[in-house]
C-alpha atoms as a PDB file:
ATOM      1  CA  ASP A   1     171.135 -58.792-186.340  1.00  0.00           C
ATOM      2  CA  VAL A   2     171.538 -62.525-187.705  1.00  0.00           C
ATOM      3  CA  LYS A   3     174.531 -64.174-186.374  1.00  0.00           C
ATOM      4  CA  VAL A   4     174.775 -67.622-188.207  1.00  0.00           C
ATOM      5  CA  LEU A   5     171.801 -68.795-190.615  1.00  0.00           C
ATOM      6  CA  ILE A   6     171.406 -72.425-191.112  1.00  0.00           C
ATOM      7  CA  GLY A   7     169.332 -73.785-193.828  1.00  0.00           C
ATOM      8  CA  TRP A   8     168.113 -76.596-193.308  1.00  0.00           C
ATOM      9  CA  PHE A   9     167.030 -78.236-196.523  1.00  0.00           C
ATOM     10  CA  GLY A  10     164.925 -75.734-197.868  1.00  0.00           C
ATOM     11  CA  PRO A  11     163.535 -74.114-201.160  1.00  0.00           C
ATOM     12  CA  TYR A  12     165.342 -70.964-201.139  1.00  0.00           C
ATOM     13  CA  ASP A  13     163.856 -70.342-204.811  1.00  0.00           C
ATOM     14  CA  ALA A  14     160.351 -70.929-203.390  1.00  0.00           C
ATOM     15  CA  LEU A  15     159.897 -69.590-207.265  1.00  0.00           C
ATOM     16  CA  LEU A  16     161.343 -72.743-208.090  1.00  0.00           C
ATOM     17  CA  HIS A  17     159.447 -74.929-205.989  1.00  0.00           C
ATOM     18  CA  PHE A  18     156.352 -72.838-205.909  1.00  0.00           C
ATOM     19  CA  SER A  19     155.061 -71.440-208.285  1.00  0.00           C
ATOM     20  CA  LYS A  20     152.691 -72.235-210.552  1.00  0.00           C
ATOM     21  CA  PRO A  21     152.776 -75.168-212.987  1.00  0.00           C
ATOM     22  CA  LYS A  22     152.495 -73.840-216.078  1.00  0.00           C
ATOM     23  CA  ARG A  23     152.359 -76.453-218.645  1.00  0.00           C
ATOM     24  CA  HIS A  24     150.057 -79.378-216.296  1.00  0.00           C
ATOM     25  CA  ASN A  25     146.375 -80.051-216.168  1.00  0.00           C
ATOM     26  CA  PRO A  26     144.848 -77.480-212.743  1.00  0.00           C
ATOM     27  CA  GLU A  27     143.408 -81.117-212.253  1.00  0.00           C
ATOM     28  CA  GLY A  28     146.727 -83.453-211.308  1.00  0.00           C
ATOM     29  CA  LYS A  29     148.275 -83.927-208.141  1.00  0.00           C
ATOM     30  CA  PHE A  30     151.056 -82.246-209.160  1.00  0.00           C
ATOM     31  CA  TYR A  31     149.332 -79.351-210.123  1.00  0.00           C
ATOM     32  CA  GLN A  32     146.937 -79.290-207.311  1.00  0.00           C
ATOM     33  CA  ARG A  33     149.863 -80.413-204.539  1.00  0.00           C
ATOM     34  CA  HIS A  34     151.813 -76.762-205.477  1.00  0.00           C
ATOM     35  CA  ALA A  35     148.271 -74.475-205.242  1.00  0.00           C
ATOM     36  CA  ALA A  36     148.016 -76.436-201.799  1.00  0.00           C
ATOM     37  CA  TYR A  37     151.926 -75.842-200.960  1.00  0.00           C
ATOM     38  CA  THR A  38     151.100 -71.697-201.851  1.00  0.00           C
ATOM     39  CA  CYS A  39     146.947 -71.358-201.476  1.00  0.00           C
ATOM     40  CA  ASN A  40     147.042 -70.338-204.264  1.00  0.00           C
ATOM     41  CA  TYR A  41     149.272 -67.078-204.334  1.00  0.00           C
ATOM     42  CA  ASP A  42     150.858 -65.517-207.609  1.00  0.00           C
ATOM     43  CA  ASP A  43     153.992 -65.640-208.767  1.00  0.00           C
ATOM     44  CA  SER A  44     154.798 -61.619-207.512  1.00  0.00           C
ATOM     45  CA  TYR A  45     153.688 -62.805-204.164  1.00  0.00           C
ATOM     46  CA  VAL A  46     155.781 -66.147-204.080  1.00  0.00           C
ATOM     47  CA  GLN A  47     159.190 -64.417-205.046  1.00  0.00           C
ATOM     48  CA  SER A  48     157.964 -61.484-202.540  1.00  0.00           C
ATOM     49  CA  VAL A  49     158.692 -64.113-199.948  1.00  0.00           C
ATOM     50  CA  SER A  50     161.733 -66.657-201.679  1.00  0.00           C
ATOM     51  CA  PRO A  51     164.990 -66.555-199.190  1.00  0.00           C
ATOM     52  CA  LEU A  52     166.550 -66.353-202.950  1.00  0.00           C
ATOM     53  CA  HIS A  53     164.575 -63.259-204.492  1.00  0.00           C
ATOM     54  CA  ILE A  54     165.223 -60.857-200.648  1.00  0.00           C
ATOM     55  CA  VAL A  55     168.683 -61.496-200.096  1.00  0.00           C
ATOM     56  CA  PRO A  56     169.780 -58.000-198.558  1.00  0.00           C
ATOM     57  CA  GLN A  57     172.440 -56.066-201.171  1.00  0.00           C
ATOM     58  CA  LYS A  58     174.571 -56.700-198.413  1.00  0.00           C
ATOM     59  CA  VAL A  59     175.152 -59.757-195.263  1.00  0.00           C
ATOM     60  CA  ASN A  60     176.588 -60.240-193.190  1.00  0.00           C
ATOM     61  CA  PHE A  61     176.477 -63.206-191.496  1.00  0.00           C
ATOM     62  CA  LYS A  62     177.923 -66.913-192.604  1.00  0.00           C
ATOM     63  CA  ALA A  63     176.289 -69.678-193.427  1.00  0.00           C
ATOM     64  CA  LEU A  64     175.946 -73.704-193.545  1.00  0.00           C
ATOM     65  CA  LEU A  65     173.555 -74.635-196.072  1.00  0.00           C
ATOM     66  CA  LEU A  66     172.561 -78.314-195.872  1.00  0.00           C
ATOM     67  CA  GLN A  67     171.094 -80.986-198.146  1.00  0.00           C
ATOM     68  CA  GLY A  68     170.779 -84.508-199.383  1.00  0.00           C
ATOM     69  CA  THR A  69     171.831 -85.642-202.978  1.00  0.00           C
ATOM     70  CA  GLY A  70     168.330 -87.961-202.874  1.00  0.00           C
ATOM     71  CA  ASP A  71     166.099 -84.979-201.712  1.00  0.00           C
ATOM     72  CA  VAL A  72     163.488 -84.840-204.422  1.00  0.00           C
ATOM     73  CA  SER A  73     161.402 -82.303-202.556  1.00  0.00           C
ATOM     74  CA  VAL A  74     163.861 -79.924-203.337  1.00  0.00           C
ATOM     75  CA  ASN A  75     166.294 -78.805-206.044  1.00  0.00           C
ATOM     76  CA  LYS A  76     170.218 -78.800-205.771  1.00  0.00           C
ATOM     77  CA  MET A  77     169.730 -75.566-207.960  1.00  0.00           C
ATOM     78  CA  SER A  78     167.814 -73.681-205.166  1.00  0.00           C
ATOM     79  CA  THR A  79     171.328 -74.386-202.952  1.00  0.00           C
ATOM     80  CA  GLU A  80     173.343 -73.839-204.975  1.00  0.00           C
ATOM     81  CA  SER A  81     171.624 -70.457-206.356  1.00  0.00           C
ATOM     82  CA  PHE A  82     171.406 -69.351-202.511  1.00  0.00           C
ATOM     83  CA  THR A  83     174.646 -69.743-201.533  1.00  0.00           C
ATOM     84  CA  ALA A  84     176.235 -67.444-204.373  1.00  0.00           C
ATOM     85  CA  ALA A  85     173.324 -64.937-203.119  1.00  0.00           C
ATOM     86  CA  LEU A  86     175.271 -65.573-200.418  1.00  0.00           C
ATOM     87  CA  LYS A  87     178.185 -64.611-201.131  1.00  0.00           C
ATOM     88  CA  ASN A  88     177.288 -61.982-203.291  1.00  0.00           C
ATOM     89  CA  ALA A  89     175.751 -60.236-200.671  1.00  0.00           C
ATOM     90  CA  GLY A  90     178.819 -60.412-198.873  1.00  0.00           C
ATOM     91  CA  SER A  91     178.746 -63.181-196.611  1.00  0.00           C
ATOM     92  CA  PRO A  92     182.274 -64.131-194.592  1.00  0.00           C
ATOM     93  CA  ASP A  93     181.469 -67.958-194.852  1.00  0.00           C
ATOM     94  CA  VAL A  94     179.875 -70.097-197.050  1.00  0.00           C
ATOM     95  CA  HIS A  95     179.541 -73.938-196.410  1.00  0.00           C
ATOM     96  CA  ASN A  96     177.000 -75.866-198.310  1.00  0.00           C
ATOM     97  CA  ILE A  97     176.726 -79.617-196.766  1.00  0.00           C
ATOM     98  CA  TYR A  98     176.056 -82.220-199.232  1.00  0.00           C
ATOM     99  CA  TYR A  99     175.184 -86.449-197.552  1.00  0.00           C
ATOM    100  CA  PRO A 100     174.518 -88.577-200.115  1.00  0.00           C
ATOM    101  CA  TYR A 101     171.972 -90.986-200.643  1.00  0.00           C
ATOM    102  CA  VAL A 102     170.416 -88.549-198.549  1.00  0.00           C
ATOM    103  CA  SER A 103     166.640 -87.156-198.622  1.00  0.00           C
ATOM    104  CA  HIS A 104     164.024 -84.592-197.127  1.00  0.00           C
ATOM    105  CA  SER A 105     163.993 -86.602-194.148  1.00  0.00           C
ATOM    106  CA  VAL A 106     166.970 -85.925-192.865  1.00  0.00           C
ATOM    107  CA  HIS A 107     165.671 -86.769-189.879  1.00  0.00           C
ATOM    108  CA  ASN A 108     165.926 -90.439-190.519  1.00  0.00           C
ATOM    109  CA  SER A 109     169.758 -90.930-191.898  1.00  0.00           C
ATOM    110  CA  GLN A 110     172.978 -91.305-190.184  1.00  0.00           C
ATOM    111  CA  ALA A 111     173.550 -87.588-190.949  1.00  0.00           C
ATOM    112  CA  TYR A 112     171.522 -85.795-188.460  1.00  0.00           C
ATOM    113  CA  ASN A 113     173.990 -86.808-185.824  1.00  0.00           C
ATOM    114  CA  GLU A 114     176.452 -86.264-187.798  1.00  0.00           C
ATOM    115  CA  THR A 115     174.921 -82.684-188.504  1.00  0.00           C
ATOM    116  CA  PHE A 116     174.402 -81.726-185.157  1.00  0.00           C
ATOM    117  CA  ASN A 117     178.251 -83.131-184.494  1.00  0.00           C
ATOM    118  CA  TYR A 118     179.200 -80.800-187.283  1.00  0.00           C
ATOM    119  CA  LEU A 119     177.625 -77.007-185.250  1.00  0.00           C
ATOM    120  CA  ILE A 120     178.535 -78.022-181.914  1.00  0.00           C
ATOM    121  CA  ASN A 121     182.142 -77.860-182.979  1.00  0.00           C
ATOM    122  CA  ASN A 122     182.377 -75.413-185.948  1.00  0.00           C
ATOM    123  CA  LEU A 123     180.067 -73.079-185.655  1.00  0.00           C
END
């Protein structure tokens, strides 16, 4: 049984982050990057492995979701949508921490130490 979920800058909505770009040149770098991440799977498969889209109807675990406001790899909407889905499924506590100006490379920032201090003192 899951007791606590800690999400570290996660692309919880895989469709938002990894579905094939519909309006981009298949020869372009943007399209190729996404194709590399998804191994050219179709959107139905990407959705089937997306945390946001497979949240059970009922959850009974706490969640801590972390994100940097300077993250250009993972959209903040993904974290906010996943938070709402967990709350709607009955999570007893969902807490988000947004680190100002921190990019997707949180391990290179002060946020790294703050995160572990928070976890030790609050979970």
